[in-house]
Structures are given as structure tokens and as C-alpha cells.
PDB file of N, CA and C in Angstrom:
ATOM      1  N   MET A   1      65.962 136.350  85.864  1.00  0.00           N
ATOM      2  CA  MET A   1      65.865 135.312  86.882  1.00  0.00           C
ATOM      3  C   MET A   1      66.020 133.919  86.262  1.00  0.00           C
ATOM      4  N   LYS A   2      65.399 133.727  85.110  1.00  0.00           N
ATOM      5  CA  LYS A   2      65.478 132.435  84.437  1.00  0.00           C
ATOM      6  C   LYS A   2      66.908 132.143  83.990  1.00  0.00           C
ATOM      7  N   LYS A   3      67.617 133.194  83.605  1.00  0.00           N
ATOM      8  CA  LYS A   3      69.007 133.060  83.168  1.00  0.00           C
ATOM      9  C   LYS A   3      69.881 132.547  84.315  1.00  0.00           C
ATOM     10  N   TRP A   4      69.664 133.041  85.527  1.00  0.00           N
ATOM     11  CA  TRP A   4      70.452 132.608  86.694  1.00  0.00           C
ATOM     12  C   TRP A   4      70.157 131.157  87.068  1.00  0.00           C
ATOM     13  N   LEU A   5      68.928 130.735  86.892  1.00  0.00           N
ATOM     14  CA  LEU A   5      68.581 129.344  87.173  1.00  0.00           C
ATOM     15  C   LEU A   5      69.278 128.403  86.196  1.00  0.00           C
ATOM     16  N   ILE A   6      69.363 128.800  84.938  1.00  0.00           N
ATOM     17  CA  ILE A   6      70.052 127.978  83.938  1.00  0.00           C
ATOM     18  C   ILE A   6      71.543 127.910  84.254  1.00  0.00           C
ATOM     19  N   ILE A   7      72.139 129.037  84.609  1.00  0.00           N
ATOM     20  CA  ILE A   7      73.562 129.071  84.953  1.00  0.00           C
ATOM     21  C   ILE A   7      73.829 128.219  86.188  1.00  0.00           C
ATOM     22  N   ALA A   8      72.981 128.341  87.203  1.00  0.00           N
ATOM     23  CA  ALA A   8      73.151 127.544  88.426  1.00  0.00           C
ATOM     24  C   ALA A   8      73.009 126.052  88.117  1.00  0.00           C
ATOM     25  N   GLY A   9      72.063 125.690  87.245  1.00  0.00           N
ATOM     26  CA  GLY A   9      71.888 124.288  86.863  1.00  0.00           C
ATOM     27  C   GLY A   9      73.102 123.744  86.136  1.00  0.00           C
ATOM     28  N   VAL A  10      73.674 124.542  85.233  1.00  0.00           N
ATOM     29  CA  VAL A  10      74.870 124.115  84.506  1.00  0.00           C
ATOM     30  C   VAL A  10      76.050 123.952  85.463  1.00  0.00           C
ATOM     31  N   VAL A  11      76.210 124.890  86.401  1.00  0.00           N
ATOM     32  CA  VAL A  11      77.313 124.803  87.372  1.00  0.00           C
ATOM     33  C   VAL A  11      77.169 123.550  88.236  1.00  0.00           C
ATOM     34  N   ILE A  12      75.958 123.252  88.666  1.00  0.00           N
ATOM     35  CA  ILE A  12      75.722 122.054  89.480  1.00  0.00           C
ATOM     36  C   ILE A  12      76.034 120.794  88.671  1.00  0.00           C
ATOM     37  N   LEU A  13      75.630 120.764  87.407  1.00  0.00           N
ATOM     38  CA  LEU A  13      75.926 119.606  86.564  1.00  0.00           C
ATOM     39  C   LEU A  13      77.427 119.435  86.341  1.00  0.00           C
ATOM     40  N   VAL A  14      78.142 120.537  86.164  1.00  0.00           N
ATOM     41  CA  VAL A  14      79.591 120.463  85.967  1.00  0.00           C
ATOM     42  C   VAL A  14      80.270 119.937  87.229  1.00  0.00           C
ATOM     43  N   PHE A  15      79.867 120.431  88.398  1.00  0.00           N
ATOM     44  CA  PHE A  15      80.458 119.946  89.649  1.00  0.00           C
ATOM     45  C   PHE A  15      80.131 118.478  89.894  1.00  0.00           C
ATOM     46  N   ALA A  16      78.893 118.074  89.633  1.00  0.00           N
ATOM     47  CA  ALA A  16      78.513 116.666  89.827  1.00  0.00           C
ATOM     48  C   ALA A  16      79.281 115.770  88.860  1.00  0.00           C
ATOM     49  N   GLY A  17      79.399 116.199  87.609  1.00  0.00           N
ATOM     50  CA  GLY A  17      80.164 115.413  86.637  1.00  0.00           C
ATOM     51  C   GLY A  17      81.630 115.332  87.001  1.00  0.00           C
ATOM     52  N   GLY A  18      82.201 116.432  87.461  1.00  0.00           N
ATOM     53  CA  GLY A  18      83.600 116.433  87.896  1.00  0.00           C
ATOM     54  C   GLY A  18      83.823 115.523  89.086  1.00  0.00           C
ATOM     55  N   TYR A  19      82.883 115.538  90.031  1.00  0.00           N
ATOM     56  CA  TYR A  19      82.988 114.666  91.203  1.00  0.00           C
ATOM     57  C   TYR A  19      82.966 113.199  90.783  1.00  0.00           C
ATOM     58  N   LEU A  20      82.023 112.843  89.911  1.00  0.00           N
ATOM     59  CA  LEU A  20      81.922 111.451  89.475  1.00  0.00           C
ATOM     60  C   LEU A  20      83.141 111.027  88.667  1.00  0.00           C
ATOM     61  N   LEU A  21      83.666 111.903  87.826  1.00  0.00           N
ATOM     62  CA  LEU A  21      84.846 111.585  87.037  1.00  0.00           C
ATOM     63  C   LEU A  21      86.074 111.400  87.930  1.00  0.00           C
ATOM     64  N   LEU A  22      86.264 112.315  88.878  1.00  0.00           N
ATOM     65  CA  LEU A  22      87.386 112.198  89.805  1.00  0.00           C
ATOM     66  C   LEU A  22      87.261 110.944  90.660  1.00  0.00           C
ATOM     67  N   SER A  23      86.058 110.652  91.108  1.00  0.00           N
ATOM     68  CA  SER A  23      85.825 109.454  91.911  1.00  0.00           C
ATOM     69  C   SER A  23      86.107 108.193  91.101  1.00  0.00           C
ATOM     70  N   PHE A  24      85.704 108.167  89.843  1.00  0.00           N
ATOM     71  CA  PHE A  24      85.927 107.004  88.991  1.00  0.00           C
ATOM     72  C   PHE A  24      87.419 106.738  88.817  1.00  0.00           C
ATOM     73  N   TYR A  25      88.204 107.780  88.561  1.00  0.00           N
ATOM     74  CA  TYR A  25      89.644 107.589  88.390  1.00  0.00           C
ATOM     75  C   TYR A  25      90.325 107.202  89.701  1.00  0.00           C
ATOM     76  N   ALA A  26      89.843 107.707  90.818  1.00  0.00           N
ATOM     77  CA  ALA A  26      90.392 107.298  92.113  1.00  0.00           C
ATOM     78  C   ALA A  26      90.115 105.821  92.367  1.00  0.00           C
ATOM     79  N   VAL A  27      88.921 105.360  92.021  1.00  0.00           N
ATOM     80  CA  VAL A  27      88.565 103.954  92.207  1.00  0.00           C
ATOM     81  C   VAL A  27      89.411 103.067  91.291  1.00  0.00           C
ATOM     82  N   LYS A  28      89.656 103.493  90.056  1.00  0.00           N
ATOM     83  CA  LYS A  28      90.514 102.724  89.142  1.00  0.00           C
ATOM     84  C   LYS A  28      91.931 102.615  89.705  1.00  0.00           C
ATOM     85  N   PHE A  29      92.426 103.678  90.323  1.00  0.00           N
ATOM     86  CA  PHE A  29      93.754 103.657  90.931  1.00  0.00           C
ATOM     87  C   PHE A  29      93.785 102.668  92.097  1.00  0.00           C
ATOM     88  N   ILE A  30      92.749 102.669  92.919  1.00  0.00           N
ATOM     89  CA  ILE A  30      92.670 101.731  94.042  1.00  0.00           C
ATOM     90  C   ILE A  30      92.612 100.301  93.518  1.00  0.00           C
ATOM     91  N   GLN A  31      91.883 100.069  92.432  1.00  0.00           N
ATOM     92  CA  GLN A  31      91.785  98.725  91.861  1.00  0.00           C
ATOM     93  C   GLN A  31      93.162  98.195  91.477  1.00  0.00           C
ATOM     94  N   ALA A  32      93.968  99.027  90.860  1.00  0.00           N
ATOM     95  CA  ALA A  32      95.312  98.592  90.472  1.00  0.00           C
ATOM     96  C   ALA A  32      96.155  98.262  91.696  1.00  0.00           C
ATOM     97  N   GLN A  33      96.027  99.047  92.756  1.00  0.00           N
ATOM     98  CA  GLN A  33      96.795  98.790  93.979  1.00  0.00           C
ATOM     99  C   GLN A  33      96.343  97.503  94.658  1.00  0.00           C
ATOM    100  N   VAL A  34      95.037  97.242  94.678  1.00  0.00           N
ATOM    101  CA  VAL A  34      94.520  96.016  95.292  1.00  0.00           C
ATOM    102  C   VAL A  34      95.020  94.794  94.529  1.00  0.00           C
ATOM    103  N   GLN A  35      95.021  94.847  93.210  1.00  0.00           N
ATOM    104  CA  GLN A  35      95.468  93.716  92.411  1.00  0.00           C
ATOM    105  C   GLN A  35      96.962  93.448  92.613  1.00  0.00           C
ATOM    106  N   LYS A  36      97.749  94.486  92.891  1.00  0.00           N
ATOM    107  CA  LYS A  36      99.181  94.292  93.155  1.00  0.00           C
ATOM    108  C   LYS A  36      99.411  93.645  94.518  1.00  0.00           C
ATOM    109  N   MET A  37      98.530  93.930  95.484  1.00  0.00           N
ATOM    110  CA  MET A  37      98.750  93.496  96.856  1.00  0.00           C
ATOM    111  C   MET A  37      98.207  92.101  97.156  1.00  0.00           C
ATOM    112  N   ILE A  38      97.470  91.507  96.248  1.00  0.00           N
ATOM    113  CA  ILE A  38      96.913  90.176  96.499  1.00  0.00           C
ATOM    114  C   ILE A  38      98.056  89.169  96.556  1.00  0.00           C
ATOM    115  N   GLY A  39      98.116  88.460  97.653  1.00  0.00           N
ATOM    116  CA  GLY A  39      99.204  87.505  97.849  1.00  0.00           C
ATOM    117  C   GLY A  39      98.775  86.080  97.586  1.00  0.00           C
ATOM    118  N   PRO A  40      99.681  85.132  97.833  1.00  0.00           N
ATOM    119  CA  PRO A  40      99.338  83.722  97.619  1.00  0.00           C
ATOM    120  C   PRO A  40      98.278  83.272  98.621  1.00  0.00           C
ATOM    121  N   GLY A  41      97.359  82.473  98.145  1.00  0.00           N
ATOM    122  CA  GLY A  41      96.295  81.961  99.003  1.00  0.00           C
ATOM    123  C   GLY A  41      94.998  82.739  98.864  1.00  0.00           C
ATOM    124  N   PHE A  42      95.052  83.977  98.377  1.00  0.00           N
ATOM    125  CA  PHE A  42      93.846  84.779  98.207  1.00  0.00           C
ATOM    126  C   PHE A  42      93.252  84.541  96.827  1.00  0.00           C
ATOM    127  N   THR A  43      91.944  84.414  96.773  1.00  0.00           N
ATOM    128  CA  THR A  43      91.229  84.362  95.501  1.00  0.00           C
ATOM    129  C   THR A  43      90.099  85.371  95.555  1.00  0.00           C
ATOM    130  N   ILE A  44      89.829  85.985  94.419  1.00  0.00           N
ATOM    131  CA  ILE A  44      88.763  86.976  94.298  1.00  0.00           C
ATOM    132  C   ILE A  44      87.898  86.568  93.116  1.00  0.00           C
ATOM    133  N   ALA A  45      86.590  86.521  93.341  1.00  0.00           N
ATOM    134  CA  ALA A  45      85.674  86.122  92.272  1.00  0.00           C
ATOM    135  C   ALA A  45      85.458  87.251  91.273  1.00  0.00           C
ATOM    136  N   GLN A  46      85.290  88.491  91.763  1.00  0.00           N
ATOM    137  CA  GLN A  46      84.973  89.586  90.858  1.00  0.00           C
ATOM    138  C   GLN A  46      85.383  90.913  91.479  1.00  0.00           C
ATOM    139  N   ILE A  47      85.959  91.793  90.671  1.00  0.00           N
ATOM    140  CA  ILE A  47      86.244  93.171  91.069  1.00  0.00           C
ATOM    141  C   ILE A  47      85.413  94.063  90.166  1.00  0.00           C
ATOM    142  N   LYS A  48      84.573  94.901  90.787  1.00  0.00           N
ATOM    143  CA  LYS A  48      83.659  95.745  90.023  1.00  0.00           C
ATOM    144  C   LYS A  48      83.941  97.208  90.357  1.00  0.00           C
ATOM    145  N   VAL A  49      84.153  98.016  89.328  1.00  0.00           N
ATOM    146  CA  VAL A  49      84.410  99.443  89.506  1.00  0.00           C
ATOM    147  C   VAL A  49      83.092 100.180  89.360  1.00  0.00           C
ATOM    148  N   ASN A  50      82.646 100.817  90.440  1.00  0.00           N
ATOM    149  CA  ASN A  50      81.451 101.653  90.410  1.00  0.00           C
ATOM    150  C   ASN A  50      81.885 103.118  90.378  1.00  0.00           C
ATOM    151  N   ALA A  51      80.935 104.018  90.205  1.00  0.00           N
ATOM    152  CA  ALA A  51      81.282 105.437  90.098  1.00  0.00           C
ATOM    153  C   ALA A  51      81.867 105.987  91.391  1.00  0.00           C
ATOM    154  N   THR A  52      81.412 105.503  92.539  1.00  0.00           N
ATOM    155  CA  THR A  52      81.871 106.074  93.806  1.00  0.00           C
ATOM    156  C   THR A  52      82.689 105.123  94.665  1.00  0.00           C
ATOM    157  N   HIS A  53      82.732 103.834  94.337  1.00  0.00           N
ATOM    158  CA  HIS A  53      83.477 102.892  95.169  1.00  0.00           C
ATOM    159  C   HIS A  53      83.931 101.677  94.353  1.00  0.00           C
ATOM    160  N   LEU A  54      84.876 100.953  94.932  1.00  0.00           N
ATOM    161  CA  LEU A  54      85.361  99.700  94.363  1.00  0.00           C
ATOM    162  C   LEU A  54      84.691  98.567  95.122  1.00  0.00           C
ATOM    163  N   SER A  55      84.076  97.641  94.410  1.00  0.00           N
ATOM    164  CA  SER A  55      83.372  96.529  95.024  1.00  0.00           C
ATOM    165  C   SER A  55      84.095  95.237  94.663  1.00  0.00           C
ATOM    166  N   ILE A  56      84.507  94.482  95.682  1.00  0.00           N
ATOM    167  CA  ILE A  56      85.228  93.227  95.486  1.00  0.00           C
ATOM    168  C   ILE A  56      84.350  92.105  96.035  1.00  0.00           C
ATOM    169  N   HIS A  57      84.003  91.152  95.179  1.00  0.00           N
ATOM    170  CA  HIS A  57      83.103  90.052  95.561  1.00  0.00           C
ATOM    171  C   HIS A  57      83.875  88.737  95.659  1.00  0.00           C
ATOM    172  N   GLY A  58      83.448  87.898  96.574  1.00  0.00           N
ATOM    173  CA  GLY A  58      83.954  86.533  96.664  1.00  0.00           C
ATOM    174  C   GLY A  58      85.407  86.411  97.076  1.00  0.00           C
ATOM    175  N   ILE A  59      85.791  87.059  98.158  1.00  0.00           N
ATOM    176  CA  ILE A  59      87.173  86.982  98.642  1.00  0.00           C
ATOM    177  C   ILE A  59      87.321  85.723  99.495  1.00  0.00           C
ATOM    178  N   ARG A  60      88.335  84.942  99.214  1.00  0.00           N
ATOM    179  CA  ARG A  60      88.620  83.719  99.970  1.00  0.00           C
ATOM    180  C   ARG A  60      90.109  83.666 100.267  1.00  0.00           C
ATOM    181  N   PHE A  61      90.434  83.143 101.445  1.00  0.00           N
ATOM    182  CA  PHE A  61      91.835  82.907 101.769  1.00  0.00           C
ATOM    183  C   PHE A  61      91.988  81.460 102.201  1.00  0.00           C
ATOM    184  N   GLU A  62      92.888  80.759 101.528  1.00  0.00           N
ATOM    185  CA  GLU A  62      93.238  79.376 101.871  1.00  0.00           C
ATOM    186  C   GLU A  62      94.717  79.341 102.210  1.00  0.00           C
ATOM    187  N   ASP A  63      95.047  78.522 103.198  1.00  0.00           N
ATOM    188  CA  ASP A  63      96.451  78.320 103.521  1.00  0.00           C
ATOM    189  C   ASP A  63      97.108  77.605 102.348  1.00  0.00           C
ATOM    190  N   PRO A  64      98.176  78.180 101.773  1.00  0.00           N
ATOM    191  CA  PRO A  64      98.799  77.541 100.595  1.00  0.00           C
ATOM    192  C   PRO A  64      99.321  76.126 100.860  1.00  0.00           C
ATOM    193  N   ARG A  65      99.712  75.833 102.110  1.00  0.00           N
ATOM    194  CA  ARG A  65     100.257  74.496 102.404  1.00  0.00           C
ATOM    195  C   ARG A  65      99.171  73.465 102.619  1.00  0.00           C
ATOM    196  N   THR A  66      98.206  73.764 103.477  1.00  0.00           N
ATOM    197  CA  THR A  66      97.189  72.772 103.845  1.00  0.00           C
ATOM    198  C   THR A  66      95.930  72.845 103.005  1.00  0.00           C
ATOM    199  N   LYS A  67      95.745  73.894 102.242  1.00  0.00           N
ATOM    200  CA  LYS A  67      94.564  74.112 101.403  1.00  0.00           C
ATOM    201  C   LYS A  67      93.277  74.199 102.214  1.00  0.00           C
ATOM    202  N   GLN A  68      93.396  74.587 103.488  1.00  0.00           N
ATOM    203  CA  GLN A  68      92.208  74.783 104.308  1.00  0.00           C
ATOM    204  C   GLN A  68      91.780  76.245 104.219  1.00  0.00           C
ATOM    205  N   ARG A  69      90.488  76.463 104.115  1.00  0.00           N
ATOM    206  CA  ARG A  69      89.949  77.820 103.989  1.00  0.00           C
ATOM    207  C   ARG A  69      89.853  78.449 105.376  1.00  0.00           C
ATOM    208  N   PHE A  70      90.371  79.672 105.510  1.00  0.00           N
ATOM    209  CA  PHE A  70      90.350  80.369 106.789  1.00  0.00           C
ATOM    210  C   PHE A  70      89.443  81.595 106.786  1.00  0.00           C
ATOM    211  N   LEU A  71      89.247  82.209 105.632  1.00  0.00           N
ATOM    212  CA  LEU A  71      88.512  83.466 105.576  1.00  0.00           C
ATOM    213  C   LEU A  71      87.656  83.502 104.319  1.00  0.00           C
ATOM    214  N   GLY A  72      86.458  84.032 104.461  1.00  0.00           N
ATOM    215  CA  GLY A  72      85.585  84.272 103.321  1.00  0.00           C
ATOM    216  C   GLY A  72      84.854  85.583 103.532  1.00  0.00           C
ATOM    217  N   VAL A  73      84.796  86.403 102.512  1.00  0.00           N
ATOM    218  CA  VAL A  73      84.082  87.677 102.570  1.00  0.00           C
ATOM    219  C   VAL A  73      83.212  87.748 101.324  1.00  0.00           C
ATOM    220  N   GLU A  74      81.914  87.962 101.533  1.00  0.00           N
ATOM    221  CA  GLU A  74      81.015  88.027 100.386  1.00  0.00           C
ATOM    222  C   GLU A  74      81.278  89.283  99.553  1.00  0.00           C
ATOM    223  N   GLU A  75      81.422  90.432 100.213  1.00  0.00           N
ATOM    224  CA  GLU A  75      81.673  91.668  99.466  1.00  0.00           C
ATOM    225  C   GLU A  75      82.462  92.642 100.327  1.00  0.00           C
ATOM    226  N   MET A  76      83.384  93.343  99.691  1.00  0.00           N
ATOM    227  CA  MET A  76      84.149  94.398 100.343  1.00  0.00           C
ATOM    228  C   MET A  76      84.030  95.637  99.470  1.00  0.00           C
ATOM    229  N   ARG A  77      83.727  96.767 100.094  1.00  0.00           N
ATOM    230  CA  ARG A  77      83.618  98.031  99.366  1.00  0.00           C
ATOM    231  C   ARG A  77      84.676  98.999  99.884  1.00  0.00           C
ATOM    232  N   ILE A  78      85.359  99.653  98.945  1.00  0.00           N
ATOM    233  CA  ILE A  78      86.388 100.624  99.288  1.00  0.00           C
ATOM    234  C   ILE A  78      85.998 101.961  98.666  1.00  0.00           C
ATOM    235  N   TYR A  79      85.830 102.977  99.521  1.00  0.00           N
ATOM    236  CA  TYR A  79      85.461 104.317  99.076  1.00  0.00           C
ATOM    237  C   TYR A  79      86.691 105.219  99.158  1.00  0.00           C
ATOM    238  N   PRO A  80      87.076 105.878  98.058  1.00  0.00           N
ATOM    239  CA  PRO A  80      88.262 106.745  98.095  1.00  0.00           C
ATOM    240  C   PRO A  80      87.967 108.083  98.770  1.00  0.00           C
ATOM    241  N   ASP A  81      89.022 108.693  99.307  1.00  0.00           N
ATOM    242  CA  ASP A  81      88.949 110.024  99.897  1.00  0.00           C
ATOM    243  C   ASP A  81      89.383 111.014  98.819  1.00  0.00           C
ATOM    244  N   LEU A  82      88.417 111.691  98.199  1.00  0.00           N
ATOM    245  CA  LEU A  82      88.718 112.530  97.040  1.00  0.00           C
ATOM    246  C   LEU A  82      89.579 113.755  97.354  1.00  0.00           C
ATOM    247  N   PRO A  83      89.410 114.443  98.484  1.00  0.00           N
ATOM    248  CA  PRO A  83      90.315 115.569  98.748  1.00  0.00           C
ATOM    249  C   PRO A  83      91.784 115.153  98.829  1.00  0.00           C
ATOM    250  N   SER A  84      92.062 113.968  99.333  1.00  0.00           N
ATOM    251  CA  SER A  84      93.452 113.510  99.377  1.00  0.00           C
ATOM    252  C   SER A  84      93.967 113.166  97.981  1.00  0.00           C
ATOM    253  N   PHE A  85      93.079 112.756  97.070  1.00  0.00           N
ATOM    254  CA  PHE A  85      93.470 112.443  95.697  1.00  0.00           C
ATOM    255  C   PHE A  85      93.946 113.700  94.971  1.00  0.00           C
ATOM    256  N   LEU A  86      93.375 114.850  95.316  1.00  0.00           N
ATOM    257  CA  LEU A  86      93.809 116.116  94.718  1.00  0.00           C
ATOM    258  C   LEU A  86      95.176 116.556  95.235  1.00  0.00           C
ATOM    259  N   GLN A  87      95.613 116.005  96.365  1.00  0.00           N
ATOM    260  CA  GLN A  87      96.910 116.349  96.946  1.00  0.00           C
ATOM    261  C   GLN A  87      97.996 115.347  96.567  1.00  0.00           C
ATOM    262  N   LYS A  88      97.789 114.612  95.473  1.00  0.00           N
ATOM    263  CA  LYS A  88      98.751 113.656  94.912  1.00  0.00           C
ATOM    264  C   LYS A  88      99.019 112.450  95.806  1.00  0.00           C
ATOM    265  N   ARG A  89      98.101 112.125  96.669  1.00  0.00           N
ATOM    266  CA  ARG A  89      98.139 110.870  97.425  1.00  0.00           C
ATOM    267  C   ARG A  89      96.686 110.445  97.581  1.00  0.00           C
ATOM    268  N   LEU A  90      96.460 109.179  97.639  1.00  0.00           N
ATOM    269  CA  LEU A  90      95.084 108.705  97.707  1.00  0.00           C
ATOM    270  C   LEU A  90      94.857 107.985  99.020  1.00  0.00           C
ATOM    271  N   GLY A  91      93.905 108.470  99.770  1.00  0.00           N
ATOM    272  CA  GLY A  91      93.514 107.834 101.023  1.00  0.00           C
ATOM    273  C   GLY A  91      92.195 107.115 100.847  1.00  0.00           C
ATOM    274  N   ILE A  92      91.854 106.341 101.840  1.00  0.00           N
ATOM    275  CA  ILE A  92      90.587 105.613 101.822  1.00  0.00           C
ATOM    276  C   ILE A  92      89.677 106.242 102.867  1.00  0.00           C
ATOM    277  N   ARG A  93      88.502 106.677 102.419  1.00  0.00           N
ATOM    278  CA  ARG A  93      87.548 107.317 103.316  1.00  0.00           C
ATOM    279  C   ARG A  93      86.799 106.277 104.141  1.00  0.00           C
ATOM    280  N   GLU A  94      86.399 105.191 103.490  1.00  0.00           N
ATOM    281  CA  GLU A  94      85.617 104.158 104.179  1.00  0.00           C
ATOM    282  C   GLU A  94      85.932 102.801 103.577  1.00  0.00           C
ATOM    283  N   TRP A  95      85.993 101.792 104.430  1.00  0.00           N
ATOM    284  CA  TRP A  95      86.271 100.427 104.018  1.00  0.00           C
ATOM    285  C   TRP A  95      85.206  99.563 104.678  1.00  0.00           C
ATOM    286  N   THR A  96      84.329  98.975 103.883  1.00  0.00           N
ATOM    287  CA  THR A  96      83.207  98.208 104.408  1.00  0.00           C
ATOM    288  C   THR A  96      83.362  96.741 104.026  1.00  0.00           C
ATOM    289  N   ILE A  97      83.240  95.857 105.015  1.00  0.00           N
ATOM    290  CA  ILE A  97      83.300  94.415 104.781  1.00  0.00           C
ATOM    291  C   ILE A  97      81.917  93.847 105.074  1.00  0.00           C
ATOM    292  N   LEU A  98      81.305  93.234 104.058  1.00  0.00           N
ATOM    293  CA  LEU A  98      79.957  92.690 104.199  1.00  0.00           C
ATOM    294  C   LEU A  98      79.998  91.168 104.261  1.00  0.00           C
ATOM    295  N   LYS A  99      79.368  90.614 105.251  1.00  0.00           N
ATOM    296  CA  LYS A  99      79.233  89.173 105.476  1.00  0.00           C
ATOM    297  C   LYS A  99      80.580  88.436 105.519  1.00  0.00           C
ATOM    298  N   PRO A 100      81.433  88.794 106.486  1.00  0.00           N
ATOM    299  CA  PRO A 100      82.682  88.031 106.625  1.00  0.00           C
ATOM    300  C   PRO A 100      82.419  86.716 107.362  1.00  0.00           C
ATOM    301  N   SER A 101      83.251  85.726 107.085  1.00  0.00           N
ATOM    302  CA  SER A 101      83.170  84.462 107.822  1.00  0.00           C
ATOM    303  C   SER A 101      84.590  83.934 108.030  1.00  0.00           C
ATOM    304  N   PHE A 102      84.853  83.504 109.244  1.00  0.00           N
ATOM    305  CA  PHE A 102      86.151  82.958 109.618  1.00  0.00           C
ATOM    306  C   PHE A 102      85.975  81.485 109.948  1.00  0.00           C
ATOM    307  N   PHE A 103      86.946  80.694 109.564  1.00  0.00           N
ATOM    308  CA  PHE A 103      86.890  79.261 109.815  1.00  0.00           C
ATOM    309  C   PHE A 103      88.087  78.871 110.673  1.00  0.00           C
ATOM    310  N   PHE A 104      87.804  78.110 111.736  1.00  0.00           N
ATOM    311  CA  PHE A 104      88.862  77.652 112.622  1.00  0.00           C
ATOM    312  C   PHE A 104      88.844  76.124 112.608  1.00  0.00           C
ATOM    313  N   TYR A 105      90.014  75.558 112.462  1.00  0.00           N
ATOM    314  CA  TYR A 105      90.144  74.100 112.444  1.00  0.00           C
ATOM    315  C   TYR A 105      90.950  73.682 113.658  1.00  0.00           C
ATOM    316  N   ARG A 106      90.579  72.575 114.220  1.00  0.00           N
ATOM    317  CA  ARG A 106      91.351  72.027 115.323  1.00  0.00           C
ATOM    318  C   ARG A 106      91.550  70.529 115.118  1.00  0.00           C
ATOM    319  N   THR A 107      92.626  70.041 115.659  1.00  0.00           N
ATOM    320  CA  THR A 107      92.920  68.617 115.522  1.00  0.00           C
ATOM    321  C   THR A 107      92.090  67.822 116.538  1.00  0.00           C
ATOM    322  N   ARG A 108      92.145  66.526 116.458  1.00  0.00           N
ATOM    323  CA  ARG A 108      91.415  65.684 117.406  1.00  0.00           C
ATOM    324  C   ARG A 108      91.943  65.853 118.832  1.00  0.00           C
ATOM    325  N   GLU A 109      93.203  66.240 118.926  1.00  0.00           N
ATOM    326  CA  GLU A 109      93.797  66.447 120.260  1.00  0.00           C
ATOM    327  C   GLU A 109      93.379  67.779 120.863  1.00  0.00           C
ATOM    328  N   GLY A 110      92.792  68.655 120.071  1.00  0.00           N
ATOM    329  CA  GLY A 110      92.327  69.931 120.569  1.00  0.00           C
ATOM    330  C   GLY A 110      93.230  71.044 120.200  1.00  0.00           C
TER     331      GLY A 110
END
């Protein structure tokens, strides 16, 4: 009986380690794609790779011509869809935006 408990514990540890490793590489892949897609006017304070998600802090968007700020997001979290990663394509399971703020400017004429 004790032998089966040890085997079950090892199997659980192997599956948990495999899940975390696969998740980490999926998040690194998403990080590279996000960095490629950032366009002019966007600034990011910090990109942090966690074991299960990608965390992007301090997102700002300014109009390149007028330099007026239109969007601010304190934190964005992107969670990968691991079953799709095994099928040679990577999907996003969940996309969470924390504390977004939008700014609207109007002229004196309205």
C-alpha cells in the first residue's frame, strides 16, 4: 500500500511539473508575440512572465501626433490555453484587464 502511495505521489509531481513547464513556455511564446504587436503610441512599463500567465503592467496609449493620452491600463493578464498549445497553435484561455482608464478630450467648441 505504501508503495502505491509513493508511485501516485511521483506521478502527481511529474504531471504538475509538466503542466507548469508547458505553461511557462506558452507564456514565453505569448510574450514574444505581444512585443511584436506593440505599435506606435503604446508604452509598457513592465512585462512579467509568471508560471501560469503573462502579466503586463503600466500600459499607456498616446496619440503619436497630439501626444494626448487616451488609454491607461494598470495591469493586463493573459492566460494561455494549454491544450491548443499541444496542437501546434496557441490560443488564449482568458484575458483579464485590471483597472482600465479611458481619457476623452474635447475642444472648447464641444
